[in-house]
C-alpha cells in the first residue's frame, strides 16, 4: 500500500522523526529508509533503539494515528497509475488483494477513498503472525482469494515486500519509489504504473512462468 498504491512513506518518515525528537533523539533519512516495507513491530523495536521510551505496540499505535491525522489534513496522495490499473482489473473481474504491513484500520481508511470497490481482500500487518519479508502475508492473501499463489502477480515498492512475494512464489513486479529494488531478482521492474494495464500484467506473468519452466528443465 504505502509507496505502491499511495505515496504515504513521507508521512511515516515525518511521524518517526517527530516521535524520536520528542524523546530528545535524532532520526536521519537513512535510518527512515531502513523501515520502508517493514512490519510495524519490527520498526517499533528499531525506534526504541533510537531512544523512543514507549512499548512497541504503543509506538505502532502512535505512528498510525499521526499518519491517519496527516491523511485527513493533507489528503491521500495516490501513486501514478495505481487507481487506473485497479479499475481495469475490477472491470475485467480479476480478483485483487491489498497486502500491507500497515494496520488494517489504516488500510481500510485508504481503500475507502479510492472511489470504487477496489479489493476483494485486505491483509494488514495486524492480520499476520509473521510480517514481510516472510511469505505469510502473500500466502494468506492468496488463500483468502481462493487462488494458487503461483497464479498471482504481486506489485511491490519495498525490498522486504519483494522478498516476501518472491519467497511466496508469486510473480513479482517491483515498482521502485523511495528505495532501489535492484539485485533482488524480481521477475520485472517497472519505473511506474502509469500507462500500465492488465495486458502488461498478463505479459509479465506469462514471461515469468516461461522462464521458470525453462529453469526447471
N, C-alpha and C. Protein backbone atom coordinates (compact mmCIF):
# COMPACT_ATOMS: atom_id res chain seq x y z
N UNK A 1 0.83 -1.20 0.00
CA UNK A 1 0.00 0.00 0.00
C UNK A 1 0.87 1.25 0.00
N UNK A 2 1.62 1.44 1.08
CA UNK A 2 2.45 2.64 1.20
C UNK A 2 3.61 2.59 0.21
N UNK A 3 3.56 3.47 -0.78
CA UNK A 3 4.63 3.51 -1.77
C UNK A 3 4.25 2.88 -3.10
N UNK A 4 3.27 1.98 -3.11
CA UNK A 4 2.81 1.38 -4.36
C UNK A 4 1.45 1.94 -4.75
N UNK A 5 0.51 1.90 -3.83
CA UNK A 5 -0.82 2.46 -4.06
C UNK A 5 -0.86 3.94 -3.72
N UNK A 6 -0.28 4.30 -2.58
CA UNK A 6 -0.30 5.70 -2.13
C UNK A 6 1.11 6.12 -1.71
N UNK A 7 1.39 7.40 -1.87
CA UNK A 7 2.72 7.94 -1.56
C UNK A 7 2.73 8.46 -0.12
N UNK A 8 2.56 7.54 0.84
CA UNK A 8 2.49 7.93 2.24
C UNK A 8 3.80 7.72 3.00
N UNK A 9 4.82 7.18 2.34
CA UNK A 9 6.08 6.98 3.06
C UNK A 9 6.61 8.28 3.68
N UNK A 10 6.53 9.44 2.97
CA UNK A 10 6.98 10.68 3.63
C UNK A 10 6.19 11.00 4.90
N UNK A 11 4.91 10.64 4.94
CA UNK A 11 4.11 10.86 6.14
C UNK A 11 4.66 10.02 7.30
N UNK A 12 4.97 8.74 7.01
CA UNK A 12 5.54 7.87 8.04
C UNK A 12 6.89 8.40 8.51
N UNK A 13 7.72 8.83 7.58
CA UNK A 13 9.05 9.32 7.95
C UNK A 13 8.95 10.56 8.83
N UNK A 14 8.04 11.47 8.49
CA UNK A 14 7.85 12.68 9.32
C UNK A 14 7.37 12.29 10.72
N UNK A 15 6.45 11.32 10.79
CA UNK A 15 5.94 10.88 12.09
C UNK A 15 7.06 10.25 12.93
N UNK A 16 7.91 9.44 12.29
CA UNK A 16 9.03 8.82 13.00
C UNK A 16 10.00 9.88 13.52
N UNK A 17 10.31 10.85 12.66
CA UNK A 17 11.25 11.91 13.04
C UNK A 17 10.74 12.70 14.22
N UNK A 18 9.46 13.08 14.19
CA UNK A 18 8.87 13.86 15.29
C UNK A 18 8.82 13.04 16.58
N UNK A 19 8.51 11.76 16.45
CA UNK A 19 8.43 10.91 17.65
C UNK A 19 9.80 10.76 18.30
N UNK A 20 10.82 10.48 17.50
CA UNK A 20 12.18 10.35 18.06
C UNK A 20 12.62 11.67 18.68
N UNK A 21 12.32 12.78 18.01
CA UNK A 21 12.71 14.10 18.52
C UNK A 21 12.03 14.41 19.85
N UNK A 22 10.81 13.92 20.03
CA UNK A 22 10.09 14.18 21.28
C UNK A 22 10.75 13.51 22.48
N UNK A 23 11.63 12.54 22.20
CA UNK A 23 12.39 11.88 23.26
C UNK A 23 13.85 12.34 23.27
N UNK A 24 14.12 13.44 22.56
CA UNK A 24 15.46 14.03 22.57
C UNK A 24 16.44 13.42 21.61
N UNK A 25 15.96 12.57 20.70
CA UNK A 25 16.87 11.93 19.76
C UNK A 25 16.80 12.54 18.38
N UNK A 26 17.58 11.99 17.47
CA UNK A 26 17.56 12.42 16.07
C UNK A 26 17.30 11.21 15.20
N UNK A 27 16.66 11.45 14.06
CA UNK A 27 16.25 10.38 13.14
C UNK A 27 16.59 10.83 11.74
N UNK A 28 17.55 10.16 11.10
CA UNK A 28 18.00 10.57 9.79
C UNK A 28 17.17 9.94 8.68
N UNK A 29 17.29 10.50 7.49
CA UNK A 29 16.59 9.95 6.33
C UNK A 29 17.07 8.53 6.05
N UNK A 30 18.35 8.30 6.25
CA UNK A 30 18.91 6.96 6.01
C UNK A 30 18.32 5.95 6.99
N UNK A 31 18.13 6.34 8.24
CA UNK A 31 17.50 5.45 9.21
C UNK A 31 16.05 5.16 8.82
N UNK A 32 15.37 6.19 8.37
CA UNK A 32 13.97 6.03 7.97
C UNK A 32 13.83 5.06 6.80
N UNK A 33 14.79 5.10 5.88
CA UNK A 33 14.73 4.20 4.72
C UNK A 33 14.80 2.74 5.14
N UNK A 34 15.44 2.46 6.27
CA UNK A 34 15.57 1.08 6.74
C UNK A 34 14.21 0.50 7.15
N UNK A 35 13.24 1.36 7.43
CA UNK A 35 11.94 0.88 7.89
C UNK A 35 10.94 0.69 6.76
N UNK A 36 11.27 1.12 5.55
CA UNK A 36 10.33 1.04 4.44
C UNK A 36 9.97 -0.41 4.16
N UNK A 37 8.68 -0.72 4.26
CA UNK A 37 8.21 -2.08 4.00
C UNK A 37 8.27 -3.02 5.18
N UNK A 38 8.85 -2.58 6.30
CA UNK A 38 8.98 -3.45 7.47
C UNK A 38 7.63 -3.66 8.16
N UNK A 39 7.54 -4.75 8.92
CA UNK A 39 6.44 -4.89 9.85
C UNK A 39 6.52 -3.80 10.90
N UNK A 40 5.37 -3.34 11.37
CA UNK A 40 5.37 -2.19 12.28
C UNK A 40 6.02 -2.50 13.63
N UNK A 41 5.84 -3.70 14.13
CA UNK A 41 6.50 -4.03 15.41
C UNK A 41 8.01 -4.05 15.23
N UNK A 42 8.49 -4.60 14.12
CA UNK A 42 9.94 -4.58 13.85
C UNK A 42 10.44 -3.14 13.79
N UNK A 43 9.68 -2.27 13.15
CA UNK A 43 10.06 -0.87 13.06
C UNK A 43 10.06 -0.22 14.44
N UNK A 44 9.06 -0.58 15.26
CA UNK A 44 8.97 -0.01 16.60
C UNK A 44 10.19 -0.38 17.44
N UNK A 45 10.68 -1.59 17.29
CA UNK A 45 11.87 -2.02 18.03
C UNK A 45 13.09 -1.19 17.63
N UNK A 46 13.19 -0.87 16.36
CA UNK A 46 14.29 -0.03 15.89
C UNK A 46 14.16 1.38 16.46
N UNK A 47 12.93 1.89 16.52
CA UNK A 47 12.70 3.22 17.09
C UNK A 47 13.00 3.24 18.59
N UNK A 48 12.72 2.14 19.27
CA UNK A 48 13.11 2.05 20.67
C UNK A 48 14.62 2.19 20.81
N UNK A 49 15.36 1.57 19.89
CA UNK A 49 16.81 1.67 19.90
C UNK A 49 17.30 3.08 19.63
N UNK A 50 16.44 3.90 18.99
CA UNK A 50 16.79 5.30 18.72
C UNK A 50 16.37 6.22 19.87
N UNK A 51 15.85 5.61 20.95
CA UNK A 51 15.56 6.40 22.13
C UNK A 51 14.10 6.62 22.46
N UNK A 52 13.19 6.05 21.68
CA UNK A 52 11.77 6.22 21.96
C UNK A 52 11.38 5.32 23.14
N UNK A 53 11.09 5.93 24.27
CA UNK A 53 10.82 5.20 25.50
C UNK A 53 9.32 4.88 25.61
N UNK A 54 8.86 3.99 24.74
CA UNK A 54 7.47 3.55 24.71
C UNK A 54 7.46 2.06 24.38
N UNK A 55 6.37 1.38 24.72
CA UNK A 55 6.23 -0.01 24.32
C UNK A 55 6.09 -0.11 22.82
N UNK A 56 6.43 -1.28 22.27
CA UNK A 56 6.40 -1.44 20.81
C UNK A 56 5.00 -1.19 20.25
N UNK A 57 3.98 -1.77 20.87
CA UNK A 57 2.62 -1.56 20.36
C UNK A 57 2.18 -0.11 20.54
N UNK A 58 2.63 0.54 21.60
CA UNK A 58 2.33 1.96 21.79
C UNK A 58 2.92 2.79 20.64
N UNK A 59 4.13 2.44 20.23
CA UNK A 59 4.77 3.15 19.12
C UNK A 59 3.98 2.95 17.84
N UNK A 60 3.57 1.70 17.58
CA UNK A 60 2.78 1.41 16.39
C UNK A 60 1.50 2.23 16.38
N UNK A 61 0.79 2.25 17.52
CA UNK A 61 -0.47 2.98 17.60
C UNK A 61 -0.25 4.48 17.43
N UNK A 62 0.82 4.99 18.02
CA UNK A 62 1.11 6.43 17.94
C UNK A 62 1.45 6.83 16.51
N UNK A 63 2.31 6.08 15.85
CA UNK A 63 2.68 6.40 14.47
C UNK A 63 1.47 6.30 13.55
N UNK A 64 0.68 5.24 13.74
CA UNK A 64 -0.50 5.06 12.90
C UNK A 64 -1.46 6.24 13.04
N UNK A 65 -1.67 6.68 14.27
CA UNK A 65 -2.60 7.80 14.49
C UNK A 65 -2.04 9.09 13.88
N UNK A 66 -0.74 9.31 14.00
CA UNK A 66 -0.14 10.52 13.42
C UNK A 66 -0.30 10.52 11.89
N UNK A 67 -0.09 9.37 11.27
CA UNK A 67 -0.23 9.30 9.81
C UNK A 67 -1.70 9.43 9.41
N UNK A 68 -2.61 8.86 10.18
CA UNK A 68 -4.03 8.99 9.88
C UNK A 68 -4.46 10.45 9.94
N UNK A 69 -3.98 11.18 10.92
CA UNK A 69 -4.30 12.62 11.03
C UNK A 69 -3.74 13.36 9.82
N UNK A 70 -2.52 13.01 9.42
CA UNK A 70 -1.91 13.66 8.25
C UNK A 70 -2.73 13.39 6.99
N UNK A 71 -3.22 12.17 6.85
CA UNK A 71 -4.05 11.84 5.69
C UNK A 71 -5.33 12.66 5.69
N UNK A 72 -5.89 12.88 6.86
CA UNK A 72 -7.12 13.65 6.97
C UNK A 72 -6.90 15.12 6.63
N UNK A 73 -5.74 15.64 7.01
CA UNK A 73 -5.47 17.06 6.79
C UNK A 73 -4.89 17.35 5.41
N UNK A 74 -4.00 16.47 4.94
CA UNK A 74 -3.30 16.73 3.67
C UNK A 74 -3.84 15.90 2.50
N UNK A 75 -4.70 14.92 2.79
CA UNK A 75 -5.26 14.10 1.73
C UNK A 75 -4.42 12.86 1.44
N UNK A 76 -4.96 12.01 0.57
CA UNK A 76 -4.31 10.76 0.20
C UNK A 76 -3.65 10.92 -1.16
N UNK A 77 -2.32 10.90 -1.20
CA UNK A 77 -1.61 11.06 -2.48
C UNK A 77 -1.45 9.73 -3.20
N UNK A 78 -2.37 9.42 -4.10
CA UNK A 78 -2.28 8.15 -4.82
C UNK A 78 -1.11 8.17 -5.81
N UNK A 79 -0.46 7.03 -5.97
CA UNK A 79 0.67 6.90 -6.87
C UNK A 79 0.17 6.89 -8.32
N UNK A 80 0.98 7.41 -9.25
CA UNK A 80 0.57 7.47 -10.67
C UNK A 80 0.20 6.10 -11.22
N UNK A 81 -0.98 6.02 -11.82
CA UNK A 81 -1.41 4.81 -12.50
C UNK A 81 -2.03 3.74 -11.61
N UNK A 82 -1.94 3.89 -10.29
CA UNK A 82 -2.40 2.83 -9.39
C UNK A 82 -3.91 2.63 -9.46
N UNK A 83 -4.65 3.71 -9.32
CA UNK A 83 -6.12 3.58 -9.35
C UNK A 83 -6.61 3.13 -10.72
N UNK A 84 -5.95 3.63 -11.76
CA UNK A 84 -6.36 3.26 -13.12
C UNK A 84 -6.18 1.77 -13.37
N UNK A 85 -5.06 1.22 -12.90
CA UNK A 85 -4.81 -0.20 -13.05
C UNK A 85 -5.81 -1.02 -12.24
N UNK A 86 -6.09 -0.57 -11.02
CA UNK A 86 -7.06 -1.27 -10.19
C UNK A 86 -8.44 -1.27 -10.84
N UNK A 87 -8.82 -0.14 -11.42
CA UNK A 87 -10.14 -0.06 -12.04
C UNK A 87 -10.24 -1.06 -13.21
N UNK A 88 -9.18 -1.16 -14.01
CA UNK A 88 -9.22 -2.09 -15.13
C UNK A 88 -9.28 -3.54 -14.64
N UNK A 89 -8.55 -3.85 -13.58
CA UNK A 89 -8.59 -5.18 -13.00
C UNK A 89 -10.01 -5.53 -12.55
N UNK A 90 -10.68 -4.55 -11.93
CA UNK A 90 -12.03 -4.79 -11.46
C UNK A 90 -13.00 -4.96 -12.63
N UNK A 91 -12.81 -4.13 -13.67
CA UNK A 91 -13.69 -4.22 -14.84
C UNK A 91 -13.57 -5.58 -15.51
N UNK A 92 -12.39 -6.19 -15.45
CA UNK A 92 -12.16 -7.50 -16.06
C UNK A 92 -12.35 -8.64 -15.06
N UNK A 93 -12.87 -8.29 -13.89
CA UNK A 93 -13.24 -9.26 -12.85
C UNK A 93 -12.07 -10.14 -12.42
N UNK A 94 -10.91 -9.51 -12.30
CA UNK A 94 -9.72 -10.20 -11.81
C UNK A 94 -9.63 -9.97 -10.30
N UNK A 95 -9.59 -11.03 -9.49
CA UNK A 95 -9.55 -10.87 -8.03
C UNK A 95 -8.31 -10.07 -7.60
N UNK A 96 -8.50 -9.23 -6.58
CA UNK A 96 -7.41 -8.38 -6.11
C UNK A 96 -7.33 -8.40 -4.59
N UNK A 97 -6.11 -8.32 -4.07
CA UNK A 97 -5.89 -8.25 -2.63
C UNK A 97 -4.88 -7.15 -2.33
N UNK A 98 -5.09 -6.45 -1.25
CA UNK A 98 -4.14 -5.47 -0.75
C UNK A 98 -3.36 -6.12 0.39
N UNK A 99 -2.05 -6.19 0.25
CA UNK A 99 -1.19 -6.82 1.25
C UNK A 99 -0.25 -5.74 1.79
N UNK A 100 -0.47 -5.32 3.01
CA UNK A 100 0.29 -4.20 3.57
C UNK A 100 0.70 -4.50 5.00
N UNK A 101 1.81 -3.91 5.44
CA UNK A 101 2.21 -4.04 6.83
C UNK A 101 1.64 -2.92 7.69
N UNK A 102 0.93 -1.98 7.09
CA UNK A 102 0.17 -1.02 7.89
C UNK A 102 -0.98 -1.74 8.58
N UNK A 103 -1.48 -1.15 9.66
CA UNK A 103 -2.61 -1.76 10.35
C UNK A 103 -3.83 -1.79 9.45
N UNK A 104 -4.68 -2.80 9.69
CA UNK A 104 -5.88 -2.96 8.86
C UNK A 104 -6.74 -1.70 8.86
N UNK A 105 -6.89 -1.04 10.01
CA UNK A 105 -7.77 0.13 10.04
C UNK A 105 -7.24 1.25 9.16
N UNK A 106 -5.90 1.36 9.06
CA UNK A 106 -5.29 2.34 8.17
C UNK A 106 -5.58 1.96 6.72
N UNK A 107 -5.40 0.69 6.40
CA UNK A 107 -5.65 0.23 5.04
C UNK A 107 -7.10 0.45 4.65
N UNK A 108 -8.02 0.15 5.55
CA UNK A 108 -9.44 0.33 5.26
C UNK A 108 -9.77 1.80 5.04
N UNK A 109 -9.15 2.69 5.81
CA UNK A 109 -9.35 4.14 5.62
C UNK A 109 -8.97 4.55 4.20
N UNK A 110 -7.80 4.10 3.76
CA UNK A 110 -7.30 4.50 2.45
C UNK A 110 -8.13 3.87 1.33
N UNK A 111 -8.44 2.59 1.47
CA UNK A 111 -9.23 1.90 0.45
C UNK A 111 -10.60 2.56 0.28
N UNK A 112 -11.16 3.07 1.37
CA UNK A 112 -12.48 3.71 1.29
C UNK A 112 -12.45 4.99 0.45
N UNK A 113 -11.25 5.53 0.22
CA UNK A 113 -11.12 6.78 -0.53
C UNK A 113 -10.76 6.57 -2.00
N UNK A 114 -10.63 5.32 -2.42
CA UNK A 114 -10.26 5.05 -3.81
C UNK A 114 -11.36 5.48 -4.78
N UNK A 115 -12.61 5.34 -4.35
CA UNK A 115 -13.71 5.78 -5.19
C UNK A 115 -14.50 4.66 -5.83
N UNK A 116 -14.03 3.42 -5.66
CA UNK A 116 -14.76 2.25 -6.15
C UNK A 116 -14.30 1.05 -5.33
N UNK A 117 -15.00 -0.06 -5.46
CA UNK A 117 -14.70 -1.27 -4.70
C UNK A 117 -13.47 -1.95 -5.31
N UNK A 118 -12.29 -1.59 -4.80
CA UNK A 118 -11.04 -1.96 -5.48
C UNK A 118 -10.48 -3.32 -5.08
N UNK A 119 -10.79 -3.81 -3.88
CA UNK A 119 -10.15 -5.03 -3.40
C UNK A 119 -11.17 -6.03 -2.86
N UNK A 120 -10.91 -7.30 -3.16
CA UNK A 120 -11.70 -8.38 -2.58
C UNK A 120 -11.23 -8.71 -1.17
N UNK A 121 -9.94 -8.52 -0.92
CA UNK A 121 -9.32 -8.94 0.34
C UNK A 121 -8.33 -7.87 0.78
N UNK A 122 -8.29 -7.61 2.08
CA UNK A 122 -7.25 -6.76 2.68
C UNK A 122 -6.54 -7.58 3.74
N UNK A 123 -5.21 -7.66 3.64
CA UNK A 123 -4.38 -8.28 4.66
C UNK A 123 -3.51 -7.18 5.26
N UNK A 124 -3.76 -6.86 6.53
CA UNK A 124 -2.97 -5.83 7.21
C UNK A 124 -1.87 -6.43 8.06
N UNK A 125 -1.00 -5.57 8.55
CA UNK A 125 0.10 -6.05 9.37
C UNK A 125 -0.34 -6.73 10.64
N UNK A 126 -1.53 -6.36 11.13
CA UNK A 126 -2.04 -6.98 12.35
C UNK A 126 -2.86 -8.23 12.06
N UNK A 127 -2.90 -8.65 10.81
CA UNK A 127 -3.63 -9.88 10.44
C UNK A 127 -2.71 -11.09 10.31
N UNK A 128 -1.40 -10.88 10.42
CA UNK A 128 -0.46 -11.98 10.21
C UNK A 128 0.46 -12.15 11.42
N UNK A 129 0.88 -13.38 11.65
CA UNK A 129 1.80 -13.66 12.76
C UNK A 129 3.23 -13.26 12.39
N UNK A 130 3.58 -13.47 11.13
CA UNK A 130 4.93 -13.14 10.67
C UNK A 130 4.81 -12.12 9.53
N UNK A 131 5.42 -10.95 9.67
CA UNK A 131 5.30 -9.90 8.66
C UNK A 131 6.25 -10.11 7.49
N UNK A 132 6.13 -9.27 6.47
CA UNK A 132 7.16 -9.23 5.43
C UNK A 132 8.50 -9.00 6.12
N UNK A 133 9.60 -9.64 5.69
CA UNK A 133 9.82 -10.35 4.42
C UNK A 133 9.41 -11.81 4.42
N UNK A 134 8.74 -12.31 5.47
CA UNK A 134 8.22 -13.67 5.43
C UNK A 134 7.12 -13.76 4.37
N UNK A 135 6.90 -14.94 3.79
CA UNK A 135 5.90 -15.08 2.74
C UNK A 135 4.46 -15.08 3.24
N UNK A 136 4.28 -15.19 4.56
CA UNK A 136 2.96 -15.39 5.15
C UNK A 136 1.88 -14.42 4.66
N UNK A 137 2.15 -13.10 4.60
CA UNK A 137 1.08 -12.19 4.18
C UNK A 137 0.56 -12.49 2.79
N UNK A 138 1.44 -12.81 1.86
CA UNK A 138 1.02 -13.11 0.50
C UNK A 138 0.32 -14.46 0.40
N UNK A 139 0.82 -15.43 1.14
CA UNK A 139 0.17 -16.74 1.14
C UNK A 139 -1.23 -16.64 1.74
N UNK A 140 -1.37 -15.82 2.79
CA UNK A 140 -2.68 -15.64 3.41
C UNK A 140 -3.64 -14.93 2.46
N UNK A 141 -3.12 -13.97 1.71
CA UNK A 141 -3.97 -13.25 0.75
C UNK A 141 -4.45 -14.18 -0.35
N UNK A 142 -3.55 -15.00 -0.88
CA UNK A 142 -3.94 -15.94 -1.94
C UNK A 142 -4.97 -16.93 -1.43
N UNK A 143 -4.78 -17.40 -0.20
CA UNK A 143 -5.72 -18.34 0.38
C UNK A 143 -7.10 -17.68 0.54
N UNK A 144 -7.12 -16.43 0.98
CA UNK A 144 -8.38 -15.71 1.16
C UNK A 144 -9.08 -15.47 -0.18
N UNK A 145 -8.30 -15.29 -1.24
CA UNK A 145 -8.87 -15.12 -2.58
C UNK A 145 -9.32 -16.45 -3.18
N UNK A 146 -8.82 -17.55 -2.62
CA UNK A 146 -9.14 -18.87 -3.16
C UNK A 146 -8.38 -19.19 -4.42
N UNK A 147 -7.13 -18.69 -4.52
CA UNK A 147 -6.31 -18.93 -5.70
C UNK A 147 -4.96 -19.50 -5.29
N UNK A 148 -4.29 -20.14 -6.23
CA UNK A 148 -2.93 -20.62 -6.02
C UNK A 148 -2.00 -19.41 -6.11
N UNK A 149 -1.08 -19.29 -5.16
CA UNK A 149 -0.16 -18.15 -5.15
C UNK A 149 0.64 -18.08 -6.46
N UNK A 150 0.89 -19.22 -7.09
CA UNK A 150 1.63 -19.24 -8.36
C UNK A 150 0.85 -18.60 -9.49
N UNK A 151 -0.45 -18.41 -9.30
CA UNK A 151 -1.30 -17.80 -10.33
C UNK A 151 -1.51 -16.30 -10.07
N UNK A 152 -0.68 -15.72 -9.21
CA UNK A 152 -0.85 -14.31 -8.86
C UNK A 152 0.34 -13.47 -9.31
N UNK A 153 0.09 -12.17 -9.40
CA UNK A 153 1.14 -11.18 -9.64
C UNK A 153 1.15 -10.23 -8.46
N UNK A 154 2.32 -10.00 -7.88
CA UNK A 154 2.46 -9.05 -6.78
C UNK A 154 3.18 -7.81 -7.26
N UNK A 155 2.67 -6.65 -6.87
CA UNK A 155 3.30 -5.37 -7.18
C UNK A 155 3.86 -4.80 -5.88
N UNK A 156 5.15 -4.50 -5.86
CA UNK A 156 5.81 -4.08 -4.62
C UNK A 156 6.79 -2.95 -4.85
N UNK A 157 6.89 -2.06 -3.86
CA UNK A 157 7.85 -0.95 -3.95
C UNK A 157 8.99 -1.09 -2.96
N UNK A 158 8.89 -2.02 -2.00
CA UNK A 158 9.92 -2.14 -0.96
C UNK A 158 10.71 -3.42 -1.11
N UNK A 159 11.90 -3.43 -0.56
CA UNK A 159 12.76 -4.61 -0.64
C UNK A 159 12.18 -5.76 0.20
N UNK A 160 11.68 -5.44 1.39
CA UNK A 160 11.10 -6.50 2.22
C UNK A 160 9.83 -7.06 1.57
N UNK A 161 9.06 -6.19 0.94
CA UNK A 161 7.85 -6.65 0.25
C UNK A 161 8.18 -7.56 -0.92
N UNK A 162 9.21 -7.17 -1.67
CA UNK A 162 9.65 -8.01 -2.79
C UNK A 162 10.10 -9.37 -2.31
N UNK A 163 10.87 -9.39 -1.23
CA UNK A 163 11.36 -10.66 -0.69
C UNK A 163 10.20 -11.53 -0.23
N UNK A 164 9.17 -10.92 0.38
CA UNK A 164 8.01 -11.67 0.84
C UNK A 164 7.28 -12.31 -0.33
N UNK A 165 7.02 -11.52 -1.35
CA UNK A 165 6.27 -12.02 -2.51
C UNK A 165 7.07 -13.07 -3.27
N UNK A 166 8.37 -12.87 -3.39
CA UNK A 166 9.20 -13.83 -4.10
C UNK A 166 9.29 -15.15 -3.35
N UNK A 167 9.43 -15.08 -2.03
CA UNK A 167 9.52 -16.33 -1.26
C UNK A 167 8.18 -17.06 -1.23
N UNK A 168 7.08 -16.31 -1.44
CA UNK A 168 5.76 -16.95 -1.54
C UNK A 168 5.56 -17.61 -2.90
N UNK A 169 6.39 -17.25 -3.88
CA UNK A 169 6.36 -17.79 -5.25
C UNK A 169 5.30 -17.16 -6.13
N UNK A 170 4.95 -15.91 -5.82
CA UNK A 170 4.14 -15.13 -6.75
C UNK A 170 5.05 -14.63 -7.87
N UNK A 171 4.46 -14.22 -8.99
CA UNK A 171 5.21 -13.45 -9.99
C UNK A 171 5.31 -12.03 -9.44
N UNK A 172 6.52 -11.49 -9.40
CA UNK A 172 6.73 -10.24 -8.67
C UNK A 172 7.23 -9.14 -9.59
N UNK A 173 6.52 -8.03 -9.58
CA UNK A 173 6.92 -6.83 -10.32
C UNK A 173 7.28 -5.75 -9.32
N UNK A 174 8.51 -5.29 -9.36
CA UNK A 174 8.94 -4.21 -8.50
C UNK A 174 8.66 -2.87 -9.15
N UNK A 175 8.13 -1.94 -8.36
CA UNK A 175 7.87 -0.58 -8.83
C UNK A 175 8.57 0.36 -7.86
N UNK A 176 9.88 0.59 -8.05
CA UNK A 176 10.65 1.35 -7.06
C UNK A 176 10.14 2.77 -6.89
N UNK A 177 10.20 3.22 -5.66
CA UNK A 177 9.77 4.59 -5.35
C UNK A 177 10.82 5.28 -4.51
N UNK A 178 10.89 4.97 -3.23
CA UNK A 178 11.86 5.63 -2.34
C UNK A 178 13.16 4.83 -2.24
N UNK A 179 13.06 3.50 -2.34
CA UNK A 179 14.26 2.66 -2.24
C UNK A 179 14.47 1.90 -3.54
N UNK A 180 15.73 1.65 -3.86
CA UNK A 180 16.07 0.89 -5.07
C UNK A 180 15.74 -0.58 -4.87
N UNK A 181 15.36 -1.26 -5.95
CA UNK A 181 14.98 -2.68 -5.87
C UNK A 181 15.92 -3.56 -6.68
N UNK A 182 17.06 -3.04 -7.06
CA UNK A 182 17.99 -3.82 -7.86
C UNK A 182 18.63 -4.92 -7.00
N UNK A 183 19.04 -5.97 -7.68
CA UNK A 183 19.77 -7.04 -7.01
C UNK A 183 18.91 -8.05 -6.28
N UNK A 184 17.58 -7.96 -6.42
CA UNK A 184 16.71 -8.88 -5.71
C UNK A 184 16.06 -9.92 -6.62
N UNK A 185 16.35 -9.86 -7.91
CA UNK A 185 15.86 -10.84 -8.88
C UNK A 185 14.34 -10.87 -8.99
N UNK A 186 13.71 -9.69 -8.96
CA UNK A 186 12.28 -9.63 -9.23
C UNK A 186 12.04 -10.10 -10.66
N UNK A 187 10.84 -10.57 -10.94
CA UNK A 187 10.53 -11.04 -12.29
C UNK A 187 10.54 -9.88 -13.29
N UNK A 188 10.23 -8.68 -12.82
CA UNK A 188 10.27 -7.50 -13.68
C UNK A 188 10.38 -6.26 -12.79
N UNK A 189 10.92 -5.19 -13.35
CA UNK A 189 10.96 -3.89 -12.69
C UNK A 189 10.30 -2.88 -13.61
N UNK A 190 9.28 -2.20 -13.11
CA UNK A 190 8.62 -1.13 -13.85
C UNK A 190 8.94 0.20 -13.18
N UNK A 191 9.25 1.20 -13.96
CA UNK A 191 9.53 2.53 -13.40
C UNK A 191 8.28 3.14 -12.77
N UNK A 192 7.11 2.81 -13.31
CA UNK A 192 5.87 3.41 -12.85
C UNK A 192 4.70 2.51 -13.26
N UNK A 193 3.57 2.70 -12.60
CA UNK A 193 2.34 2.02 -13.01
C UNK A 193 1.57 2.84 -14.04
N UNK A 194 1.96 4.07 -14.22
CA UNK A 194 1.28 4.94 -15.18
C UNK A 194 1.34 4.34 -16.58
N UNK A 195 0.18 4.22 -17.22
CA UNK A 195 0.13 3.67 -18.56
C UNK A 195 0.16 2.16 -18.63
N UNK A 196 0.20 1.50 -17.47
CA UNK A 196 0.23 0.04 -17.44
C UNK A 196 -1.19 -0.50 -17.26
N UNK A 197 -1.45 -1.64 -17.91
CA UNK A 197 -2.78 -2.23 -17.82
C UNK A 197 -2.72 -3.72 -17.60
N UNK A 198 -3.89 -4.35 -17.67
CA UNK A 198 -3.99 -5.79 -17.44
C UNK A 198 -3.17 -6.57 -18.47
N UNK A 199 -3.14 -6.11 -19.71
CA UNK A 199 -2.35 -6.81 -20.73
C UNK A 199 -0.87 -6.83 -20.36
N UNK A 200 -0.38 -5.75 -19.76
CA UNK A 200 1.02 -5.70 -19.34
C UNK A 200 1.28 -6.72 -18.22
N UNK A 201 0.33 -6.82 -17.28
CA UNK A 201 0.46 -7.81 -16.20
C UNK A 201 0.47 -9.23 -16.77
N UNK A 202 -0.44 -9.48 -17.72
CA UNK A 202 -0.52 -10.81 -18.33
C UNK A 202 0.77 -11.17 -19.06
N UNK A 203 1.34 -10.19 -19.75
CA UNK A 203 2.59 -10.42 -20.48
C UNK A 203 3.72 -10.80 -19.52
N UNK A 204 3.85 -10.04 -18.41
CA UNK A 204 4.90 -10.32 -17.44
C UNK A 204 4.66 -11.67 -16.77
N UNK A 205 3.40 -12.00 -16.51
CA UNK A 205 3.05 -13.27 -15.89
C UNK A 205 3.47 -14.44 -16.78
N UNK A 206 3.12 -14.34 -18.06
CA UNK A 206 3.46 -15.42 -19.00
C UNK A 206 4.97 -15.55 -19.17
N UNK A 207 5.66 -14.41 -19.27
CA UNK A 207 7.11 -14.44 -19.44
C UNK A 207 7.79 -15.07 -18.22
N UNK A 208 7.35 -14.69 -17.02
CA UNK A 208 7.95 -15.21 -15.80
C UNK A 208 7.76 -16.72 -15.69
N UNK A 209 6.58 -17.20 -16.05
CA UNK A 209 6.33 -18.63 -15.95
C UNK A 209 7.10 -19.40 -17.02
N UNK A 210 7.32 -18.80 -18.18
CA UNK A 210 8.13 -19.44 -19.20
C UNK A 210 9.58 -19.57 -18.73
N UNK A 211 10.09 -18.53 -18.08
CA UNK A 211 11.45 -18.55 -17.55
C UNK A 211 11.58 -19.61 -16.48
N UNK A 212 10.59 -19.69 -15.61
CA UNK A 212 10.64 -20.68 -14.52
C UNK A 212 10.56 -22.10 -15.07
N UNK A 213 9.72 -22.31 -16.06
CA UNK A 213 9.60 -23.63 -16.66
C UNK A 213 10.91 -24.06 -17.31
N UNK A 214 11.56 -23.13 -17.99
CA UNK A 214 12.85 -23.44 -18.64
C UNK A 214 13.90 -23.75 -17.60
N UNK A 215 13.91 -23.00 -16.49
CA UNK A 215 14.90 -23.22 -15.45
C UNK A 215 14.72 -24.57 -14.77
N UNK A 216 13.48 -25.08 -14.78
CA UNK A 216 13.19 -26.35 -14.12
C UNK A 216 13.58 -27.55 -14.96
N UNK A 217 13.89 -27.32 -16.25
CA UNK A 217 14.25 -28.43 -17.13
C UNK A 217 15.63 -29.00 -16.78
